[in-house]
């Protein structure tokens, strides 16, 4: 979408007012970068909320079955389609386990899914970090979280950009991971679980650090305001959060978000070829691609993703049962 908006914004055959509007929204659609930041802020907010009630084991089980089943399916699909359609060899065997566990940054393994996997690698690392906080009892002392987040963000800021291995996008963890902390601080500020001034100060520092590091790590971002758009989108939604009512459309959009994210980038050229072969001319090609993509992702949500979530609930239920039985045995042993 970005190339279309950009080229239209400099097309002098269009009215200057329309070109001005297109120029203004270009950063919003540039490589999906604004959406990534909104995703990280939202995730930091939601995960902090979830950990108010879930214990460490349940949290990790639910996150595992939420992320991995559909991700693994998508990666395998991409690899097989690339092999049998384009003749691209499958990745070597030694790469598959760390790759499918989203540990590729630690082993210098290139991302799959046409690059979108990098966000999930950061997301999973954040899950592990927050699980450690929960296990250590730190979630009972959440007033200290802004200071700890600040220490981690400062370490990222003053260390070498990560990842920095060949084949990986330089410094994306360094640049974008702190937005997860920003989202957590918004929750802490909202609920009064941490000092308001400390939360606001850290949030400002994270944004300023992103702008500063961008000029050094990814200077091609210098002329793009996607971070400002992302912050505006999140805070606008946050301010009216009590007025947003759940409904079929919001629920459907929410349910399809993950599958669309995993499949849209790498599947697009294949779907474009299918649409081209169909030869339908009365519907714009890109709309046809989007329609097919939505149908595919809906089916995947109803099957792979739903079954994965169901498996997670079963595992959680068995864990709770085992935990209850152990507690009863301990009581019986103590009373005997």
Protein backbone atom coordinates (compact mmCIF):
# COMPACT_ATOMS: atom_id res chain seq x y z
CA UNK A 1 0.00 0.00 0.00
CA UNK A 2 2.79 2.43 0.85
CA UNK A 3 4.22 2.68 -2.69
CA UNK A 4 0.75 3.46 -4.05
CA UNK A 5 0.17 6.19 -1.48
CA UNK A 6 3.65 7.61 -1.90
CA UNK A 7 3.57 7.79 -5.70
CA UNK A 8 0.07 9.26 -5.61
CA UNK A 9 1.28 11.92 -3.16
CA UNK A 10 3.83 13.15 -5.74
CA UNK A 11 1.57 12.75 -8.76
CA UNK A 12 1.08 16.30 -10.03
CA UNK A 13 -1.96 15.24 -12.02
CA UNK A 14 -3.82 15.05 -8.71
CA UNK A 15 -5.13 18.10 -6.88
CA UNK A 16 -2.65 19.55 -4.42
CA UNK A 17 -5.07 19.12 -1.51
CA UNK A 18 -5.35 15.40 -2.18
CA UNK A 19 -1.58 15.13 -2.54
CA UNK A 20 -1.18 16.93 0.79
CA UNK A 21 -3.49 14.46 2.53
CA UNK A 22 -1.69 11.50 0.96
CA UNK A 23 1.68 12.90 2.01
CA UNK A 24 0.39 13.30 5.57
CA UNK A 25 -0.80 9.70 5.85
CA UNK A 26 2.21 8.13 4.11
CA UNK A 27 4.04 7.48 7.41
CA UNK A 28 0.94 5.70 8.70
CA UNK A 29 1.11 3.04 5.98
CA UNK A 30 4.88 2.90 5.58
CA UNK A 31 5.93 -0.78 5.85
CA UNK A 32 3.40 -1.37 8.63
CA UNK A 33 5.84 0.25 11.07
CA UNK A 34 3.18 2.28 12.89
CA UNK A 35 1.09 -0.87 13.34
CA UNK A 36 4.07 -2.68 14.86
CA UNK A 37 4.51 0.00 17.51
CA UNK A 38 0.77 0.01 18.29
CA UNK A 39 0.98 -3.79 18.62
CA UNK A 40 3.92 -3.64 21.03
CA UNK A 41 2.35 -0.92 23.20
CA UNK A 42 -0.94 -2.82 23.31
CA UNK A 43 0.83 -6.07 24.13
CA UNK A 44 2.77 -4.50 27.00
CA UNK A 45 -0.49 -3.11 28.37
CA UNK A 46 -2.46 -6.36 28.01
CA UNK A 47 0.24 -8.70 29.32
CA UNK A 48 0.70 -6.58 32.45
CA UNK A 49 -3.05 -6.75 33.02
CA UNK A 50 -3.18 -10.52 32.44
CA UNK A 51 -0.41 -11.16 34.97
CA UNK A 52 -2.47 -9.54 37.70
CA UNK A 53 -4.48 -12.77 37.91
CA UNK A 54 -2.62 -15.58 36.09
CA UNK A 55 0.17 -17.49 37.75
CA UNK A 56 3.45 -18.09 35.95
CA UNK A 57 2.71 -21.59 34.66
CA UNK A 58 -0.77 -20.78 33.37
CA UNK A 59 0.53 -17.62 31.75
CA UNK A 60 3.27 -19.48 29.85
CA UNK A 61 0.93 -22.30 28.79
CA UNK A 62 -1.67 -19.88 27.43
CA UNK A 63 0.91 -17.75 25.62
CA UNK A 64 2.52 -20.84 24.09
CA UNK A 65 -0.72 -22.16 22.63
CA UNK A 66 -1.74 -18.68 21.55
CA UNK A 67 1.43 -18.04 19.55
CA UNK A 68 3.07 -21.26 18.42
CA UNK A 69 0.49 -23.54 16.72
CA UNK A 70 -0.52 -21.07 14.01
CA UNK A 71 3.01 -19.66 13.71
CA UNK A 72 4.53 -23.11 13.16
CA UNK A 73 1.80 -23.91 10.63
CA UNK A 74 2.48 -20.65 8.76
CA UNK A 75 6.25 -21.22 8.66
CA UNK A 76 5.84 -24.75 7.34
CA UNK A 77 3.33 -23.57 4.73
CA UNK A 78 5.68 -20.86 3.53
CA UNK A 79 8.63 -23.26 3.31
CA UNK A 80 6.62 -25.87 1.37
CA UNK A 81 5.09 -23.33 -1.02
CA UNK A 82 8.49 -21.78 -1.66
CA UNK A 83 9.94 -25.22 -2.39
CA UNK A 84 7.27 -26.64 -4.64
CA UNK A 85 6.31 -23.42 -6.44
CA UNK A 86 9.63 -21.57 -6.68
CA UNK A 87 12.10 -24.38 -6.09
CA UNK A 88 13.60 -22.69 -3.01
CA UNK A 89 15.35 -25.35 -0.87
CA UNK A 90 14.05 -26.00 2.63
CA UNK A 91 16.13 -24.51 5.48
CA UNK A 92 18.78 -26.85 6.89
CA UNK A 93 17.60 -29.25 9.60
CA UNK A 94 19.65 -27.65 12.38
CA UNK A 95 17.74 -24.37 11.96
CA UNK A 96 14.25 -25.70 12.43
CA UNK A 97 14.04 -26.09 16.23
CA UNK A 98 15.37 -22.64 17.23
CA UNK A 99 13.52 -21.15 14.30
CA UNK A 100 10.13 -22.63 15.21
CA UNK A 101 10.68 -21.73 18.88
CA UNK A 102 11.21 -18.08 17.85
CA UNK A 103 14.79 -18.13 19.13
CA UNK A 104 16.30 -17.28 15.77
CA UNK A 105 17.92 -14.03 16.91
CA UNK A 106 20.10 -15.98 19.33
CA UNK A 107 21.32 -18.31 16.58
CA UNK A 108 21.56 -15.77 13.73
CA UNK A 109 18.76 -17.52 11.81
CA UNK A 110 17.04 -15.29 9.23
CA UNK A 111 13.37 -14.53 9.76
CA UNK A 112 10.61 -16.26 7.84
CA UNK A 113 7.16 -15.09 6.71
CA UNK A 114 8.80 -12.39 4.57
CA UNK A 115 10.27 -10.80 7.66
CA UNK A 116 7.28 -10.34 9.97
CA UNK A 117 8.60 -13.01 12.34
CA UNK A 118 10.98 -10.51 14.00
CA UNK A 119 8.13 -8.99 16.00
CA UNK A 120 7.17 -12.38 17.43
CA UNK A 121 10.75 -13.02 18.52
CA UNK A 122 10.63 -9.81 20.56
CA UNK A 123 7.14 -10.62 21.85
CA UNK A 124 8.15 -14.07 23.12
CA UNK A 125 11.22 -12.62 24.85
CA UNK A 126 8.90 -10.15 26.61
CA UNK A 127 6.64 -13.02 27.72
CA UNK A 128 9.61 -14.79 29.27
CA UNK A 129 10.75 -11.61 31.01
CA UNK A 130 7.30 -10.93 32.48
CA UNK A 131 6.96 -14.59 33.52
CA UNK A 132 10.23 -14.25 35.43
CA UNK A 133 8.88 -11.12 37.11
CA UNK A 134 5.77 -13.05 38.12
CA UNK A 135 7.73 -16.07 39.37
CA UNK A 136 10.06 -13.90 41.42
CA UNK A 137 7.20 -12.12 43.16
CA UNK A 138 7.95 -8.80 41.50
CA UNK A 139 4.34 -8.48 40.30
CA UNK A 140 3.44 -7.98 43.97
CA UNK A 141 5.78 -4.96 44.03
CA UNK A 142 4.83 -3.31 40.77
CA UNK A 143 5.92 0.12 41.94
CA UNK A 144 9.45 -1.01 41.03
CA UNK A 145 8.62 -2.06 37.48
CA UNK A 146 9.25 1.36 35.85
CA UNK A 147 12.76 1.42 37.33
CA UNK A 148 13.49 -2.11 36.12
CA UNK A 149 12.07 -1.37 32.68
CA UNK A 150 14.19 1.78 32.61
CA UNK A 151 17.33 -0.18 33.49
CA UNK A 152 16.67 -2.70 30.71
CA UNK A 153 15.89 0.04 28.19
CA UNK A 154 19.07 1.89 29.17
CA UNK A 155 21.09 -1.30 28.73
CA UNK A 156 19.67 -1.71 25.24
CA UNK A 157 20.39 1.94 24.49
CA UNK A 158 24.04 1.86 25.51
CA UNK A 159 24.82 -1.64 24.17
CA UNK A 160 25.55 -2.66 20.60
CA UNK A 161 22.43 -2.90 18.44
CA UNK A 162 20.68 -6.26 18.70
CA UNK A 163 20.31 -8.26 16.55
CA UNK A 164 23.39 -7.49 14.50
CA UNK A 165 24.01 -10.81 12.76
CA UNK A 166 24.13 -11.12 8.95
CA UNK A 167 20.68 -11.75 7.51
CA UNK A 168 18.85 -10.11 10.42
CA UNK A 169 17.48 -6.59 10.54
CA UNK A 170 19.97 -4.49 12.47
CA UNK A 171 18.88 -3.35 15.91
CA UNK A 172 15.14 -3.98 15.71
CA UNK A 173 15.04 -5.39 19.26
CA UNK A 174 17.02 -2.42 20.53
CA UNK A 175 14.66 0.01 18.81
CA UNK A 176 11.25 -1.54 19.33
CA UNK A 177 11.31 -3.73 22.47
CA UNK A 178 11.08 -0.72 24.85
CA UNK A 179 7.61 0.06 23.44
CA UNK A 180 6.43 -3.04 25.30
CA UNK A 181 7.63 -1.38 28.50
CA UNK A 182 5.83 1.79 27.50
CA UNK A 183 2.57 -0.15 27.21
CA UNK A 184 3.13 -1.73 30.60
CA UNK A 185 3.75 1.70 32.13
CA UNK A 186 0.46 2.96 30.72
CA UNK A 187 -1.32 0.15 32.56
CA UNK A 188 0.60 0.83 35.77
CA UNK A 189 -0.21 4.52 35.50
CA UNK A 190 -3.88 3.86 34.79
CA UNK A 191 -4.30 1.48 37.74
CA UNK A 192 -2.11 3.45 40.16
CA UNK A 193 0.19 0.46 40.74
CA UNK A 194 3.31 2.55 40.17
CA UNK A 195 4.30 6.17 40.64
CA UNK A 196 2.64 8.35 38.02
CA UNK A 197 5.65 10.60 37.47
CA UNK A 198 7.99 7.61 37.15
CA UNK A 199 5.76 6.05 34.50
CA UNK A 200 5.44 9.27 32.50
CA UNK A 201 9.17 9.96 32.71
CA UNK A 202 10.04 6.48 31.44
CA UNK A 203 7.51 6.74 28.61
CA UNK A 204 9.03 10.02 27.45
CA UNK A 205 12.56 8.60 27.68
CA UNK A 206 11.56 5.56 25.61
CA UNK A 207 10.19 7.72 22.80
CA UNK A 208 13.20 10.06 22.85
CA UNK A 209 15.58 7.08 22.90
CA UNK A 210 13.78 5.60 19.88
CA UNK A 211 14.23 8.82 17.91
CA UNK A 212 17.87 9.09 18.97
CA UNK A 213 18.75 5.47 18.23
CA UNK A 214 16.93 5.52 14.92
CA UNK A 215 19.39 8.05 13.50
CA UNK A 216 22.26 5.72 14.37
CA UNK A 217 20.83 2.26 13.75
CA UNK A 218 18.28 2.78 10.97
CA UNK A 219 18.92 6.22 9.45
CA UNK A 220 16.50 5.43 6.61
CA UNK A 221 13.73 5.99 9.20
CA UNK A 222 14.83 9.58 9.88
CA UNK A 223 12.26 11.18 7.62
CA UNK A 224 9.34 9.08 8.78
CA UNK A 225 6.98 9.95 11.63
CA UNK A 226 5.46 6.49 12.03
CA UNK A 227 6.17 6.46 15.77
CA UNK A 228 4.15 9.65 16.29
CA UNK A 229 1.23 8.18 14.36
CA UNK A 230 1.43 5.00 16.42
CA UNK A 231 1.39 6.89 19.70
CA UNK A 232 -1.53 9.02 18.51
CA UNK A 233 -3.51 5.94 17.49
CA UNK A 234 -2.93 4.09 20.74
CA UNK A 235 -3.61 7.02 23.07
CA UNK A 236 -6.72 8.02 21.09
CA UNK A 237 -8.10 4.51 21.52
CA UNK A 238 -6.98 4.39 25.15
CA UNK A 239 -8.79 7.64 25.97
CA UNK A 240 -12.10 6.34 24.61
CA UNK A 241 -11.62 2.73 25.74
CA UNK A 242 -14.71 2.80 27.96
CA UNK A 243 -16.87 3.87 25.03
CA UNK A 244 -15.77 1.10 22.67
CA UNK A 245 -18.37 -1.64 22.73
CA UNK A 246 -17.61 -5.20 21.71
CA UNK A 247 -19.54 -6.44 18.72
CA UNK A 248 -19.45 -8.90 15.81
CA UNK A 249 -17.25 -6.72 13.59
CA UNK A 250 -14.73 -5.92 16.33
CA UNK A 251 -14.70 -9.57 17.41
CA UNK A 252 -14.16 -10.79 13.83
CA UNK A 253 -11.38 -8.27 13.22
CA UNK A 254 -9.72 -9.23 16.49
CA UNK A 255 -9.95 -12.94 15.71
CA UNK A 256 -8.39 -12.54 12.26
CA UNK A 257 -5.57 -10.20 13.28
CA UNK A 258 -2.99 -12.87 14.05
CA UNK A 259 -3.61 -15.09 11.04
CA UNK A 260 -3.66 -12.13 8.66
CA UNK A 261 -0.41 -10.88 10.17
CA UNK A 262 1.31 -14.24 9.70
CA UNK A 263 0.15 -14.81 6.12
CA UNK A 264 -0.34 -11.45 4.43
CA UNK A 265 3.26 -10.64 3.55
CA UNK A 266 4.58 -13.90 2.13
CA UNK A 267 1.29 -15.15 0.67
CA UNK A 268 0.49 -11.92 -1.18
CA UNK A 269 2.55 -12.58 -4.35
CA UNK A 270 1.19 -16.12 -4.62
CA UNK A 271 -2.37 -14.87 -4.23
CA UNK A 272 -1.64 -12.15 -6.79
CA UNK A 273 -0.65 -14.84 -9.28
CA UNK A 274 -3.85 -16.77 -8.56
CA UNK A 275 -5.96 -13.63 -9.05
CA UNK A 276 -4.13 -12.81 -12.26
CA UNK A 277 -4.87 -16.28 -13.62
CA UNK A 278 -8.55 -15.93 -12.72
CA UNK A 279 -8.79 -12.96 -15.05
CA UNK A 280 -11.56 -11.14 -13.19
CA UNK A 281 -11.39 -7.50 -14.31
CA UNK A 282 -14.49 -5.88 -12.79
CA UNK A 283 -13.04 -6.08 -9.25
CA UNK A 284 -9.65 -4.42 -8.55
CA UNK A 285 -6.93 -7.02 -8.23
CA UNK A 286 -5.82 -5.97 -4.75
CA UNK A 287 -9.37 -6.19 -3.44
CA UNK A 288 -9.61 -9.73 -4.83
CA UNK A 289 -6.35 -10.64 -3.07
CA UNK A 290 -7.59 -9.21 0.21
CA UNK A 291 -10.86 -11.10 -0.09
CA UNK A 292 -9.09 -14.42 -0.70
CA UNK A 293 -6.62 -13.71 2.12
CA UNK A 294 -9.44 -12.97 4.58
CA UNK A 295 -11.23 -16.21 3.66
CA UNK A 296 -8.03 -18.25 4.09
CA UNK A 297 -7.26 -16.59 7.42
CA UNK A 298 -10.82 -17.09 8.63
CA UNK A 299 -10.55 -20.82 7.91
CA UNK A 300 -7.18 -20.97 9.67
CA UNK A 301 -8.61 -19.13 12.68
CA UNK A 302 -11.50 -21.57 12.91
CA UNK A 303 -9.22 -24.59 12.59
CA UNK A 304 -5.52 -24.33 13.46
CA UNK A 305 -5.77 -21.34 15.79
CA UNK A 306 -8.97 -22.43 17.53
CA UNK A 307 -7.71 -25.98 18.04
CA UNK A 308 -4.46 -24.60 19.44
CA UNK A 309 -6.32 -22.41 21.93
CA UNK A 310 -8.54 -25.34 22.86
CA UNK A 311 -5.47 -27.50 23.50
CA UNK A 312 -4.10 -24.74 25.71
CA UNK A 313 -7.29 -24.69 27.78
CA UNK A 314 -7.11 -28.46 28.19
CA UNK A 315 -3.50 -28.28 29.39
CA UNK A 316 -4.37 -25.47 31.81
CA UNK A 317 -7.33 -27.46 33.16
CA UNK A 318 -5.15 -30.52 33.73
CA UNK A 319 -2.51 -28.38 35.41
CA UNK A 320 -5.12 -26.91 37.76
CA UNK A 321 -6.47 -30.40 38.54
CA UNK A 322 -3.00 -31.73 39.28
CA UNK A 323 -2.29 -28.71 41.45
CA UNK A 324 -5.51 -29.24 43.41
CA UNK A 325 -4.77 -32.94 43.92
CA UNK A 326 -1.26 -32.15 45.18
CA UNK A 327 -2.68 -29.59 47.60
CA UNK A 328 -5.18 -32.12 48.95
CA UNK A 329 -2.43 -34.70 49.39
CA UNK A 330 -0.30 -32.17 51.26
CA UNK A 331 -3.18 -31.37 53.59
CA UNK A 332 -3.85 -35.08 54.19
CA UNK A 333 -0.19 -35.73 54.85
CA UNK A 334 0.04 -32.81 57.26
CA UNK A 335 -3.05 -33.91 59.17
CA UNK A 336 -2.07 -37.58 59.43
